[in-house]
N, C-alpha and C. Protein backbone atom coordinates (compact mmCIF):
# COMPACT_ATOMS: atom_id res chain seq x y z
N MET A 1 130.21 133.77 79.51
CA MET A 1 129.86 134.94 80.28
C MET A 1 128.53 134.68 80.98
N ILE A 2 128.42 135.17 82.20
CA ILE A 2 127.19 135.10 82.99
C ILE A 2 126.69 136.53 83.18
N VAL A 3 125.40 136.72 82.94
CA VAL A 3 124.79 138.03 83.12
C VAL A 3 123.72 137.92 84.19
N ALA A 4 123.78 138.82 85.16
CA ALA A 4 122.76 138.90 86.19
C ALA A 4 121.97 140.18 85.97
N LEU A 5 120.66 140.04 85.93
CA LEU A 5 119.77 141.20 85.86
C LEU A 5 119.09 141.34 87.21
N PHE A 6 119.26 142.48 87.82
CA PHE A 6 118.65 142.76 89.12
C PHE A 6 117.60 143.83 88.90
N ARG A 7 116.33 143.43 88.99
CA ARG A 7 115.21 144.36 88.81
C ARG A 7 114.63 144.65 90.18
N SER A 8 114.41 145.95 90.48
CA SER A 8 113.92 146.29 91.81
C SER A 8 113.15 147.60 91.80
N ARG A 9 112.45 147.82 92.91
CA ARG A 9 111.80 149.10 93.19
C ARG A 9 112.18 149.51 94.60
N LEU A 10 112.65 150.74 94.72
CA LEU A 10 113.04 151.26 96.04
C LEU A 10 111.83 151.78 96.79
N ASN A 11 111.85 151.56 98.09
CA ASN A 11 110.87 152.22 98.96
C ASN A 11 111.20 153.70 99.00
N SER A 12 110.22 154.52 99.22
CA SER A 12 110.48 155.96 99.31
C SER A 12 111.19 156.28 100.62
N GLY A 13 112.04 157.30 100.56
CA GLY A 13 112.74 157.77 101.75
C GLY A 13 113.98 157.00 102.15
N VAL A 14 114.44 156.06 101.33
CA VAL A 14 115.61 155.26 101.69
C VAL A 14 116.88 155.67 100.94
N GLU A 15 116.76 156.64 100.05
CA GLU A 15 117.87 157.01 99.17
C GLU A 15 119.12 157.43 99.94
N ASP A 16 118.97 158.15 101.05
CA ASP A 16 120.14 158.63 101.81
C ASP A 16 121.00 157.48 102.33
N GLU A 17 120.39 156.36 102.65
CA GLU A 17 121.15 155.19 103.09
C GLU A 17 121.52 154.29 101.92
N TYR A 18 120.61 154.16 100.97
CA TYR A 18 120.81 153.23 99.87
C TYR A 18 121.93 153.65 98.92
N VAL A 19 121.96 154.92 98.52
CA VAL A 19 122.91 155.37 97.51
C VAL A 19 124.37 155.16 97.93
N PRO A 20 124.79 155.57 99.15
CA PRO A 20 126.19 155.32 99.54
C PRO A 20 126.51 153.82 99.62
N MET A 21 125.54 153.02 100.08
CA MET A 21 125.78 151.58 100.16
C MET A 21 125.94 151.00 98.75
N ALA A 22 125.11 151.44 97.81
CA ALA A 22 125.21 150.95 96.43
C ALA A 22 126.55 151.35 95.82
N GLN A 23 127.04 152.53 96.11
CA GLN A 23 128.34 152.97 95.60
C GLN A 23 129.47 152.11 96.17
N ARG A 24 129.41 151.77 97.47
CA ARG A 24 130.42 150.89 98.07
C ARG A 24 130.39 149.52 97.42
N LEU A 25 129.19 149.00 97.19
CA LEU A 25 129.07 147.68 96.57
C LEU A 25 129.61 147.69 95.15
N SER A 26 129.42 148.78 94.42
CA SER A 26 129.97 148.88 93.07
C SER A 26 131.49 148.77 93.10
N GLU A 27 132.12 149.44 94.04
CA GLU A 27 133.58 149.36 94.19
C GLU A 27 134.02 147.95 94.54
N LEU A 28 133.30 147.31 95.46
CA LEU A 28 133.64 145.94 95.87
C LEU A 28 133.49 144.96 94.70
N ALA A 29 132.42 145.10 93.93
CA ALA A 29 132.17 144.17 92.82
C ALA A 29 133.31 144.20 91.81
N ARG A 30 133.85 145.38 91.57
CA ARG A 30 134.94 145.51 90.59
C ARG A 30 136.18 144.71 90.99
N ALA A 31 136.33 144.42 92.27
CA ALA A 31 137.50 143.69 92.76
C ALA A 31 137.32 142.17 92.74
N VAL A 32 136.13 141.70 92.43
CA VAL A 32 135.87 140.25 92.43
C VAL A 32 136.48 139.64 91.18
N PRO A 33 137.28 138.57 91.32
CA PRO A 33 137.85 137.91 90.14
C PRO A 33 136.74 137.47 89.18
N GLY A 34 136.92 137.79 87.91
CA GLY A 34 135.93 137.43 86.91
C GLY A 34 134.91 138.52 86.61
N TYR A 35 134.93 139.59 87.40
CA TYR A 35 134.01 140.71 87.16
C TYR A 35 134.34 141.35 85.82
N ILE A 36 133.31 141.67 85.03
CA ILE A 36 133.50 142.37 83.76
C ILE A 36 132.96 143.79 83.86
N SER A 37 131.67 143.92 84.18
CA SER A 37 131.08 145.26 84.23
C SER A 37 129.72 145.22 84.90
N HIS A 38 129.22 146.40 85.21
CA HIS A 38 127.83 146.55 85.62
C HIS A 38 127.35 147.96 85.30
N LYS A 39 126.07 148.06 85.01
CA LYS A 39 125.43 149.34 84.71
C LYS A 39 124.03 149.31 85.29
N GLY A 40 123.60 150.46 85.78
CA GLY A 40 122.25 150.57 86.33
C GLY A 40 121.41 151.55 85.55
N PHE A 41 120.11 151.29 85.49
CA PHE A 41 119.16 152.12 84.78
C PHE A 41 117.91 152.26 85.63
N GLU A 42 117.22 153.39 85.47
CA GLU A 42 115.95 153.58 86.18
C GLU A 42 114.89 154.05 85.19
N ALA A 43 113.75 153.37 85.18
CA ALA A 43 112.64 153.74 84.31
C ALA A 43 111.83 154.86 84.96
N ALA A 44 111.08 155.58 84.14
CA ALA A 44 110.25 156.68 84.64
C ALA A 44 109.26 156.20 85.70
N ALA A 45 108.80 154.97 85.59
CA ALA A 45 107.83 154.42 86.54
C ALA A 45 108.49 153.94 87.84
N GLY A 46 109.81 154.08 87.96
CA GLY A 46 110.49 153.76 89.20
C GLY A 46 111.19 152.42 89.26
N GLU A 47 111.00 151.56 88.26
CA GLU A 47 111.72 150.28 88.29
C GLU A 47 113.19 150.54 87.99
N ARG A 48 114.05 149.87 88.73
CA ARG A 48 115.50 149.94 88.53
C ARG A 48 115.96 148.61 87.96
N VAL A 49 116.94 148.68 87.06
CA VAL A 49 117.54 147.47 86.50
C VAL A 49 119.05 147.64 86.54
N THR A 50 119.72 146.66 87.11
CA THR A 50 121.18 146.64 87.09
C THR A 50 121.60 145.41 86.31
N ILE A 51 122.48 145.61 85.34
CA ILE A 51 123.01 144.52 84.52
C ILE A 51 124.45 144.29 84.96
N VAL A 52 124.74 143.07 85.40
CA VAL A 52 126.08 142.73 85.90
C VAL A 52 126.63 141.60 85.04
N GLU A 53 127.89 141.74 84.59
CA GLU A 53 128.52 140.71 83.77
C GLU A 53 129.74 140.14 84.49
N PHE A 54 129.82 138.82 84.52
CA PHE A 54 130.98 138.10 85.05
C PHE A 54 131.47 137.13 83.99
N GLU A 55 132.76 136.86 83.99
CA GLU A 55 133.34 135.91 83.04
C GLU A 55 132.79 134.50 83.26
N THR A 56 132.62 134.14 84.54
CA THR A 56 132.22 132.76 84.87
C THR A 56 131.17 132.77 85.98
N GLU A 57 130.49 131.64 86.08
CA GLU A 57 129.52 131.45 87.16
C GLU A 57 130.21 131.49 88.52
N GLU A 58 131.45 131.02 88.58
CA GLU A 58 132.20 131.03 89.85
C GLU A 58 132.42 132.46 90.33
N GLY A 59 132.72 133.37 89.40
CA GLY A 59 132.89 134.77 89.78
C GLY A 59 131.61 135.36 90.33
N LEU A 60 130.50 135.07 89.66
CA LEU A 60 129.21 135.55 90.14
C LEU A 60 128.89 134.95 91.51
N ARG A 61 129.19 133.68 91.69
CA ARG A 61 128.94 133.01 92.97
C ARG A 61 129.78 133.65 94.08
N ALA A 62 131.04 133.97 93.78
CA ALA A 62 131.90 134.63 94.77
C ALA A 62 131.31 135.97 95.18
N TRP A 63 130.76 136.70 94.22
CA TRP A 63 130.13 137.98 94.54
C TRP A 63 128.89 137.75 95.41
N GLY A 64 128.15 136.71 95.12
CA GLY A 64 126.93 136.42 95.89
C GLY A 64 127.17 136.11 97.35
N VAL A 65 128.34 135.56 97.66
CA VAL A 65 128.63 135.20 99.06
C VAL A 65 129.58 136.18 99.73
N ASP A 66 129.96 137.25 99.04
CA ASP A 66 130.80 138.28 99.66
C ASP A 66 130.11 138.78 100.93
N PRO A 67 130.83 138.84 102.06
CA PRO A 67 130.20 139.21 103.33
C PRO A 67 129.50 140.57 103.30
N GLN A 68 130.10 141.57 102.70
CA GLN A 68 129.46 142.89 102.65
C GLN A 68 128.25 142.89 101.71
N HIS A 69 128.34 142.11 100.64
CA HIS A 69 127.20 141.99 99.73
C HIS A 69 126.04 141.28 100.43
N ARG A 70 126.35 140.28 101.23
CA ARG A 70 125.30 139.56 101.96
C ARG A 70 124.59 140.47 102.95
N VAL A 71 125.34 141.32 103.64
CA VAL A 71 124.74 142.29 104.57
C VAL A 71 123.83 143.24 103.80
N ALA A 72 124.30 143.70 102.64
CA ALA A 72 123.51 144.62 101.83
C ALA A 72 122.23 143.96 101.33
N LYS A 73 122.32 142.69 100.93
CA LYS A 73 121.12 141.99 100.47
C LYS A 73 120.09 141.89 101.58
N LYS A 74 120.54 141.60 102.78
CA LYS A 74 119.65 141.51 103.94
C LYS A 74 119.00 142.87 104.20
N ARG A 75 119.79 143.92 104.15
CA ARG A 75 119.27 145.27 104.37
C ARG A 75 118.28 145.64 103.27
N GLY A 76 118.54 145.20 102.06
CA GLY A 76 117.62 145.45 100.96
C GLY A 76 116.24 144.88 101.23
N ILE A 77 116.19 143.66 101.73
CA ILE A 77 114.92 143.01 102.05
C ILE A 77 114.25 143.70 103.22
N GLU A 78 115.03 144.07 104.23
CA GLU A 78 114.47 144.70 105.43
C GLU A 78 113.94 146.11 105.17
N ALA A 79 114.62 146.88 104.33
CA ALA A 79 114.29 148.31 104.27
C ALA A 79 114.24 148.92 102.88
N PHE A 80 115.10 148.52 101.97
CA PHE A 80 115.26 149.27 100.72
C PHE A 80 114.22 148.98 99.65
N PHE A 81 113.89 147.73 99.44
CA PHE A 81 113.10 147.34 98.28
C PHE A 81 111.67 146.97 98.62
N SER A 82 110.75 147.45 97.78
CA SER A 82 109.36 146.99 97.88
C SER A 82 109.21 145.68 97.11
N GLU A 83 110.11 145.47 96.15
CA GLU A 83 110.15 144.21 95.41
C GLU A 83 111.46 144.12 94.65
N TYR A 84 111.87 142.90 94.35
CA TYR A 84 113.02 142.70 93.47
C TYR A 84 112.95 141.33 92.82
N LYS A 85 113.68 141.20 91.73
CA LYS A 85 113.78 139.93 91.01
C LYS A 85 115.20 139.85 90.47
N VAL A 86 115.82 138.68 90.58
CA VAL A 86 117.15 138.44 90.04
C VAL A 86 117.03 137.39 88.95
N LEU A 87 117.58 137.69 87.79
CA LEU A 87 117.61 136.75 86.68
C LEU A 87 119.07 136.46 86.36
N LEU A 88 119.46 135.19 86.34
CA LEU A 88 120.82 134.78 86.01
C LEU A 88 120.80 134.11 84.64
N CYS A 89 121.63 134.61 83.74
CA CYS A 89 121.58 134.19 82.35
C CYS A 89 122.97 133.82 81.84
N SER A 90 123.06 132.73 81.10
CA SER A 90 124.29 132.37 80.40
C SER A 90 124.24 132.95 79.00
N LEU A 91 125.35 133.48 78.55
CA LEU A 91 125.42 134.07 77.22
C LEU A 91 125.40 132.95 76.18
N ILE A 92 124.48 133.04 75.25
CA ILE A 92 124.39 132.07 74.16
C ILE A 92 125.11 132.61 72.93
N ARG A 93 124.87 133.86 72.63
CA ARG A 93 125.44 134.47 71.44
C ARG A 93 125.59 135.95 71.73
N GLN A 94 126.56 136.57 71.08
CA GLN A 94 126.77 138.00 71.26
C GLN A 94 127.04 138.65 69.90
N HIS A 95 126.41 139.77 69.66
CA HIS A 95 126.64 140.56 68.45
C HIS A 95 126.94 141.98 68.90
N ALA A 96 127.82 142.65 68.20
CA ALA A 96 128.13 144.04 68.54
C ALA A 96 128.46 144.80 67.27
N TRP A 97 128.26 146.09 67.32
CA TRP A 97 128.61 146.98 66.22
C TRP A 97 128.88 148.34 66.79
N ALA A 98 129.85 149.03 66.27
CA ALA A 98 130.16 150.40 66.67
C ALA A 98 130.63 151.16 65.46
N ALA A 99 130.13 152.35 65.28
CA ALA A 99 130.56 153.20 64.17
C ALA A 99 131.98 153.69 64.43
N THR A 100 132.80 153.67 63.42
CA THR A 100 134.16 154.20 63.59
C THR A 100 134.16 155.71 63.53
N ASP A 101 133.13 156.28 62.89
CA ASP A 101 132.99 157.74 62.79
C ASP A 101 131.65 158.10 63.43
N PRO A 102 131.65 158.73 64.61
CA PRO A 102 130.38 159.03 65.29
C PRO A 102 129.40 159.88 64.46
N GLY A 103 129.89 160.65 63.51
CA GLY A 103 129.03 161.46 62.68
C GLY A 103 128.48 160.73 61.46
N ARG A 104 128.90 159.51 61.27
CA ARG A 104 128.53 158.72 60.09
C ARG A 104 127.06 158.31 60.15
N ARG A 105 126.40 158.37 59.02
CA ARG A 105 125.01 157.93 58.92
C ARG A 105 124.92 156.79 57.92
N GLU A 106 124.09 155.86 58.20
CA GLU A 106 123.85 154.71 57.29
C GLU A 106 122.62 154.99 56.47
């Protein structure tokens, strides 16, 4: 599994253009072979983090060169972001746990 972390800060006043574009990109990403999931978070201080999972590096690479994604990346640099950082990570180990009874306490 390949995980991409996209950390960014939006410029003020760009939300009306950014939000619909981000929603379109979310739909497009789901159609890329090897796509697993993505989730976005925003901290109180304004930093945004999107976590994207792909089965393989090839899937992530295909997403990176998608024509609409490339246009969006260019627009991000021109107008949307005051800063961003992309971290690409290979999964070394994974642990998971889920309660079978949501009311259960340990």
